[in-house]
Amino acid sequence: AIDRAMKLKGAGNRAFHAGEYDKAIGLYNEAIEACPPDRPIDLATFYQNRSACYEKREMWEQVKEDCTFALKLNEKYVKAFLRRSRAAEKSGDLVLALEDVTSACILERFQVQSSLVNADRILKALGRQHAREALAKRRPVMPSKHFIKTYFSAFSEDPIAKINVDEKATNGFAKAKRALD
């Protein structure tokens, strides 16, 4: 049974490289069906290969689903982490994207520059998203009395501050001046 599954995988790979993604998906489907359950690493590869076809067709949810199956079968499958990370990023799930690219970086022992660059890009995008959300929810806060007093003390050479106003004056300027004093 594994020989048939491997032949189907090879045919799927050829179809994939020829750009025949629908045909490749069908062949990988057959390989998944033909694969014995005692071959989880091979089965993970078939799922991951099918996810590559879905990625080419920009079917992000299917990519994530197949990569998740592959990772259940082989929890150290770097290619599946990286592909699911790309799909998660494209579909707007930056938390999953960051988790997956970080897992890949750890498994690669932080030796692969492209993975590190992807992690950095996703982390920055997630930071921007969190900052936008925080600013949108932020309530305005009045500055402290100390800040206000310090701010206005910066105008100590203000000519208005040197004007003496009659204590009994009731016009607008006199009221404003007394409020500042």
C-alpha atoms as a PDB file:
ATOM      1  CA  ALA A   1       0.000   0.000   0.000  1.00  0.00           C
ATOM      2  CA  ILE A   2       2.847   2.420   0.762  1.00  0.00           C
ATOM      3  CA  ASP A   3       4.355   1.783  -2.678  1.00  0.00           C
ATOM      4  CA  ARG A   4       1.096   2.860  -4.338  1.00  0.00           C
ATOM      5  CA  ALA A   5       0.873   5.916  -2.078  1.00  0.00           C
ATOM      6  CA  MET A   6       4.472   6.907  -2.921  1.00  0.00           C
ATOM      7  CA  LYS A   7       3.820   6.527  -6.675  1.00  0.00           C
ATOM      8  CA  LEU A   8       0.738   8.738  -6.323  1.00  0.00           C
ATOM      9  CA  LYS A   9       2.824  11.260  -4.396  1.00  0.00           C
ATOM     10  CA  GLY A  10       5.440  11.252  -7.189  1.00  0.00           C
ATOM     11  CA  ALA A  11       2.728  11.813  -9.800  1.00  0.00           C
ATOM     12  CA  GLY A  12       1.293  14.580  -7.623  1.00  0.00           C
ATOM     13  CA  ASN A  13       4.717  16.209  -7.382  1.00  0.00           C
ATOM     14  CA  ARG A  14       5.091  16.147 -11.174  1.00  0.00           C
ATOM     15  CA  ALA A  15       1.617  17.664 -11.639  1.00  0.00           C
ATOM     16  CA  PHE A  16       2.448  20.335  -9.039  1.00  0.00           C
ATOM     17  CA  HIS A  17       5.687  21.293 -10.785  1.00  0.00           C
ATOM     18  CA  ALA A  18       3.793  21.446 -14.093  1.00  0.00           C
ATOM     19  CA  GLY A  19       1.360  23.921 -12.527  1.00  0.00           C
ATOM     20  CA  GLU A  20      -1.545  21.448 -12.640  1.00  0.00           C
ATOM     21  CA  TYR A  21      -2.653  22.074  -9.060  1.00  0.00           C
ATOM     22  CA  ASP A  22      -6.138  20.531  -9.275  1.00  0.00           C
ATOM     23  CA  LYS A  23      -4.684  17.339 -10.725  1.00  0.00           C
ATOM     24  CA  ALA A  24      -1.993  17.327  -8.023  1.00  0.00           C
ATOM     25  CA  ILE A  25      -4.644  17.771  -5.311  1.00  0.00           C
ATOM     26  CA  GLY A  26      -6.500  14.721  -6.652  1.00  0.00           C
ATOM     27  CA  LEU A  27      -3.327  12.644  -6.703  1.00  0.00           C
ATOM     28  CA  TYR A  28      -2.393  13.687  -3.159  1.00  0.00           C
ATOM     29  CA  ASN A  29      -5.964  12.825  -2.063  1.00  0.00           C
ATOM     30  CA  GLU A  30      -5.448   9.316  -3.458  1.00  0.00           C
ATOM     31  CA  ALA A  31      -2.044   9.062  -1.766  1.00  0.00           C
ATOM     32  CA  ILE A  32      -3.615  10.063   1.568  1.00  0.00           C
ATOM     33  CA  GLU A  33      -6.309   7.386   1.122  1.00  0.00           C
ATOM     34  CA  ALA A  34      -3.750   4.728   0.109  1.00  0.00           C
ATOM     35  CA  CYS A  35      -1.274   5.474   2.897  1.00  0.00           C
ATOM     36  CA  PRO A  36      -1.236   2.928   5.728  1.00  0.00           C
ATOM     37  CA  PRO A  37      -1.967   4.446   9.157  1.00  0.00           C
ATOM     38  CA  ASP A  38       1.341   3.137  10.523  1.00  0.00           C
ATOM     39  CA  ARG A  39       3.232   5.608   8.271  1.00  0.00           C
ATOM     40  CA  PRO A  40       2.470   8.980   9.942  1.00  0.00           C
ATOM     41  CA  ILE A  41       5.570  10.751   8.572  1.00  0.00           C
ATOM     42  CA  ASP A  42       4.642   9.849   4.984  1.00  0.00           C
ATOM     43  CA  LEU A  43       1.020  10.805   5.593  1.00  0.00           C
ATOM     44  CA  ALA A  44       2.161  14.160   7.004  1.00  0.00           C
ATOM     45  CA  THR A  45       4.176  14.724   3.820  1.00  0.00           C
ATOM     46  CA  PHE A  46       1.139  14.004   1.635  1.00  0.00           C
ATOM     47  CA  TYR A  47      -0.978  16.512   3.588  1.00  0.00           C
ATOM     48  CA  GLN A  48       1.785  19.109   3.457  1.00  0.00           C
ATOM     49  CA  ASN A  49       2.213  18.590  -0.306  1.00  0.00           C
ATOM     50  CA  ARG A  50      -1.523  19.015  -0.843  1.00  0.00           C
ATOM     51  CA  SER A  51      -1.380  22.199   1.222  1.00  0.00           C
ATOM     52  CA  ALA A  52       1.269  23.503  -1.199  1.00  0.00           C
ATOM     53  CA  CYS A  53      -1.293  23.170  -4.009  1.00  0.00           C
ATOM     54  CA  TYR A  54      -3.868  25.028  -1.946  1.00  0.00           C
ATOM     55  CA  GLU A  55      -1.294  27.725  -1.233  1.00  0.00           C
ATOM     56  CA  LYS A  56      -0.678  28.212  -4.958  1.00  0.00           C
ATOM     57  CA  ARG A  57      -4.434  28.642  -5.383  1.00  0.00           C
ATOM     58  CA  GLU A  58      -4.595  31.034  -2.386  1.00  0.00           C
ATOM     59  CA  MET A  59      -7.030  28.790  -0.500  1.00  0.00           C
ATOM     60  CA  TRP A  60      -5.720  29.810   2.925  1.00  0.00           C
ATOM     61  CA  GLU A  61      -8.189  27.916   5.139  1.00  0.00           C
ATOM     62  CA  GLN A  62      -7.429  24.633   3.338  1.00  0.00           C
ATOM     63  CA  VAL A  63      -3.702  25.329   3.649  1.00  0.00           C
ATOM     64  CA  LYS A  64      -4.071  25.808   7.405  1.00  0.00           C
ATOM     65  CA  GLU A  65      -6.243  22.713   7.729  1.00  0.00           C
ATOM     66  CA  ASP A  66      -3.830  20.426   5.835  1.00  0.00           C
ATOM     67  CA  CYS A  67      -0.798  21.795   7.655  1.00  0.00           C
ATOM     68  CA  THR A  68      -2.584  21.213  10.965  1.00  0.00           C
ATOM     69  CA  PHE A  69      -3.159  17.557   9.983  1.00  0.00           C
ATOM     70  CA  ALA A  70       0.485  17.259   8.959  1.00  0.00           C
ATOM     71  CA  LEU A  71       1.625  18.725  12.281  1.00  0.00           C
ATOM     72  CA  LYS A  72      -0.597  16.325  14.244  1.00  0.00           C
ATOM     73  CA  LEU A  73       1.195  13.490  12.480  1.00  0.00           C
ATOM     74  CA  ASN A  74       4.688  15.025  12.662  1.00  0.00           C
ATOM     75  CA  GLU A  75       4.977  17.739  15.291  1.00  0.00           C
ATOM     76  CA  LYS A  76       8.479  18.752  14.155  1.00  0.00           C
ATOM     77  CA  TYR A  77       7.570  19.361  10.495  1.00  0.00           C
ATOM     78  CA  VAL A  78       9.212  22.733   9.803  1.00  0.00           C
ATOM     79  CA  LYS A  79       7.786  23.104   6.279  1.00  0.00           C
ATOM     80  CA  ALA A  80       4.247  22.651   7.613  1.00  0.00           C
ATOM     81  CA  PHE A  81       4.830  25.275  10.339  1.00  0.00           C
ATOM     82  CA  LEU A  82       6.191  27.748   7.789  1.00  0.00           C
ATOM     83  CA  ARG A  83       3.419  27.148   5.258  1.00  0.00           C
ATOM     84  CA  ARG A  84       0.693  27.408   7.904  1.00  0.00           C
ATOM     85  CA  SER A  85       2.360  30.606   9.140  1.00  0.00           C
ATOM     86  CA  ARG A  86       2.201  32.135   5.642  1.00  0.00           C
ATOM     87  CA  ALA A  87      -1.447  31.097   5.251  1.00  0.00           C
ATOM     88  CA  ALA A  88      -2.341  32.461   8.679  1.00  0.00           C
ATOM     89  CA  GLU A  89      -0.635  35.754   7.865  1.00  0.00           C
ATOM     90  CA  LYS A  90      -2.457  36.009   4.525  1.00  0.00           C
ATOM     91  CA  SER A  91      -5.809  35.301   6.210  1.00  0.00           C
ATOM     92  CA  GLY A  92      -5.162  37.879   8.951  1.00  0.00           C
ATOM     93  CA  ASP A  93      -4.483  35.495  11.856  1.00  0.00           C
ATOM     94  CA  LEU A  94      -1.234  37.112  12.957  1.00  0.00           C
ATOM     95  CA  VAL A  95      -1.133  35.360  16.345  1.00  0.00           C
ATOM     96  CA  LEU A  96      -1.124  31.906  14.721  1.00  0.00           C
ATOM     97  CA  ALA A  97       1.335  33.143  12.095  1.00  0.00           C
ATOM     98  CA  LEU A  98       3.737  34.314  14.804  1.00  0.00           C
ATOM     99  CA  GLU A  99       3.338  31.114  16.842  1.00  0.00           C
ATOM    100  CA  ASP A 100       4.071  28.950  13.801  1.00  0.00           C
ATOM    101  CA  VAL A 101       7.041  30.914  12.499  1.00  0.00           C
ATOM    102  CA  THR A 102       8.471  30.972  16.031  1.00  0.00           C
ATOM    103  CA  SER A 103       8.068  27.183  16.262  1.00  0.00           C
ATOM    104  CA  ALA A 104       9.874  26.832  12.944  1.00  0.00           C
ATOM    105  CA  CYS A 105      12.691  29.129  14.119  1.00  0.00           C
ATOM    106  CA  ILE A 106      13.122  27.047  17.277  1.00  0.00           C
ATOM    107  CA  LEU A 107      13.194  23.789  15.307  1.00  0.00           C
ATOM    108  CA  GLU A 108      15.722  25.342  12.896  1.00  0.00           C
ATOM    109  CA  ARG A 109      17.773  26.471  15.941  1.00  0.00           C
ATOM    110  CA  PHE A 110      17.507  30.075  14.710  1.00  0.00           C
ATOM    111  CA  GLN A 111      19.884  29.277  11.826  1.00  0.00           C
ATOM    112  CA  VAL A 112      17.628  30.098   8.839  1.00  0.00           C
ATOM    113  CA  GLN A 113      17.667  33.807   8.039  1.00  0.00           C
ATOM    114  CA  SER A 114      14.465  33.828   5.975  1.00  0.00           C
ATOM    115  CA  SER A 115      12.478  32.402   8.895  1.00  0.00           C
ATOM    116  CA  LEU A 116      13.927  35.010  11.242  1.00  0.00           C
ATOM    117  CA  VAL A 117      13.010  37.796   8.796  1.00  0.00           C
ATOM    118  CA  ASN A 118       9.460  36.405   8.547  1.00  0.00           C
ATOM    119  CA  ALA A 119       9.170  36.268  12.338  1.00  0.00           C
ATOM    120  CA  ASP A 120      10.354  39.865  12.610  1.00  0.00           C
ATOM    121  CA  ARG A 121       7.904  41.070   9.928  1.00  0.00           C
ATOM    122  CA  ILE A 122       4.947  39.265  11.537  1.00  0.00           C
ATOM    123  CA  LEU A 123       5.895  40.509  15.012  1.00  0.00           C
ATOM    124  CA  LYS A 124       5.994  44.111  13.756  1.00  0.00           C
ATOM    125  CA  ALA A 125       2.630  43.721  12.002  1.00  0.00           C
ATOM    126  CA  LEU A 126       1.097  42.223  15.151  1.00  0.00           C
ATOM    127  CA  GLY A 127       2.538  45.076  17.215  1.00  0.00           C
ATOM    128  CA  ARG A 128       0.999  47.636  14.841  1.00  0.00           C
ATOM    129  CA  GLN A 129      -2.348  45.821  15.039  1.00  0.00           C
ATOM    130  CA  HIS A 130      -2.269  45.781  18.853  1.00  0.00           C
ATOM    131  CA  ALA A 131      -1.274  49.458  18.961  1.00  0.00           C
ATOM    132  CA  ARG A 132      -4.202  50.410  16.684  1.00  0.00           C
ATOM    133  CA  GLU A 133      -6.602  48.406  18.850  1.00  0.00           C
ATOM    134  CA  ALA A 134      -5.244  49.948  22.064  1.00  0.00           C
ATOM    135  CA  LEU A 135      -5.503  53.474  20.671  1.00  0.00           C
ATOM    136  CA  ALA A 136      -9.037  52.879  19.463  1.00  0.00           C
ATOM    137  CA  LYS A 137     -10.124  51.757  22.954  1.00  0.00           C
ATOM    138  CA  ARG A 138      -8.163  54.411  24.844  1.00  0.00           C
ATOM    139  CA  ARG A 139     -10.185  56.972  26.754  1.00  0.00           C
ATOM    140  CA  PRO A 140      -8.856  60.533  26.841  1.00  0.00           C
ATOM    141  CA  VAL A 141      -7.293  61.497  30.171  1.00  0.00           C
ATOM    142  CA  MET A 142      -6.898  65.015  31.507  1.00  0.00           C
ATOM    143  CA  PRO A 143      -3.322  65.950  32.355  1.00  0.00           C
ATOM    144  CA  SER A 144      -2.448  66.244  36.031  1.00  0.00           C
ATOM    145  CA  LYS A 145      -2.635  69.578  37.886  1.00  0.00           C
ATOM    146  CA  HIS A 146       1.138  69.452  38.255  1.00  0.00           C
ATOM    147  CA  PHE A 147       1.578  69.120  34.474  1.00  0.00           C
ATOM    148  CA  ILE A 148      -0.792  72.024  33.802  1.00  0.00           C
ATOM    149  CA  LYS A 149       0.954  74.243  36.357  1.00  0.00           C
ATOM    150  CA  THR A 150       4.370  73.350  34.935  1.00  0.00           C
ATOM    151  CA  TYR A 151       3.163  73.958  31.386  1.00  0.00           C
ATOM    152  CA  PHE A 152       1.824  77.401  32.170  1.00  0.00           C
ATOM    153  CA  SER A 153       4.899  78.301  34.203  1.00  0.00           C
ATOM    154  CA  ALA A 154       6.819  78.065  30.949  1.00  0.00           C
ATOM    155  CA  PHE A 155       5.081  81.317  30.023  1.00  0.00           C
ATOM    156  CA  SER A 156       6.593  83.233  32.963  1.00  0.00           C
ATOM    157  CA  GLU A 157       7.828  85.960  30.637  1.00  0.00           C
ATOM    158  CA  ASP A 158       4.379  86.345  29.172  1.00  0.00           C
ATOM    159  CA  PRO A 159       3.500  90.062  29.072  1.00  0.00           C
ATOM    160  CA  ILE A 160      -0.135  89.244  29.938  1.00  0.00           C
ATOM    161  CA  ALA A 161       1.017  87.733  33.243  1.00  0.00           C
ATOM    162  CA  LYS A 162       2.698  91.033  34.202  1.00  0.00           C
ATOM    163  CA  ILE A 163      -0.472  93.084  33.762  1.00  0.00           C
ATOM    164  CA  ASN A 164      -2.089  94.032  37.030  1.00  0.00           C
ATOM    165  CA  VAL A 165      -5.850  93.843  36.988  1.00  0.00           C
ATOM    166  CA  ASP A 166      -8.076  95.800  39.325  1.00  0.00           C
ATOM    167  CA  GLU A 167      -9.566  93.433  41.927  1.00  0.00           C
ATOM    168  CA  LYS A 168     -13.023  94.889  41.321  1.00  0.00           C
ATOM    169  CA  ALA A 169     -12.958  94.607  37.512  1.00  0.00           C
ATOM    170  CA  THR A 170     -15.659  92.278  36.112  1.00  0.00           C
ATOM    171  CA  ASN A 171     -14.853  92.176  32.406  1.00  0.00           C
ATOM    172  CA  GLY A 172     -13.843  88.910  30.626  1.00  0.00           C
ATOM    173  CA  PHE A 173     -10.141  89.669  30.575  1.00  0.00           C
ATOM    174  CA  ALA A 174     -10.081  90.379  34.305  1.00  0.00           C
ATOM    175  CA  LYS A 175     -11.914  87.105  35.066  1.00  0.00           C
ATOM    176  CA  ALA A 176      -9.527  85.105  32.855  1.00  0.00           C
ATOM    177  CA  LYS A 177      -6.474  86.789  34.393  1.00  0.00           C
ATOM    178  CA  ARG A 178      -7.644  86.064  37.940  1.00  0.00           C
ATOM    179  CA  ALA A 179      -8.257  82.408  36.938  1.00  0.00           C
ATOM    180  CA  LEU A 180      -4.643  82.109  35.758  1.00  0.00           C
ATOM    181  CA  ASP A 181      -3.237  83.664  38.936  1.00  0.00           C
END
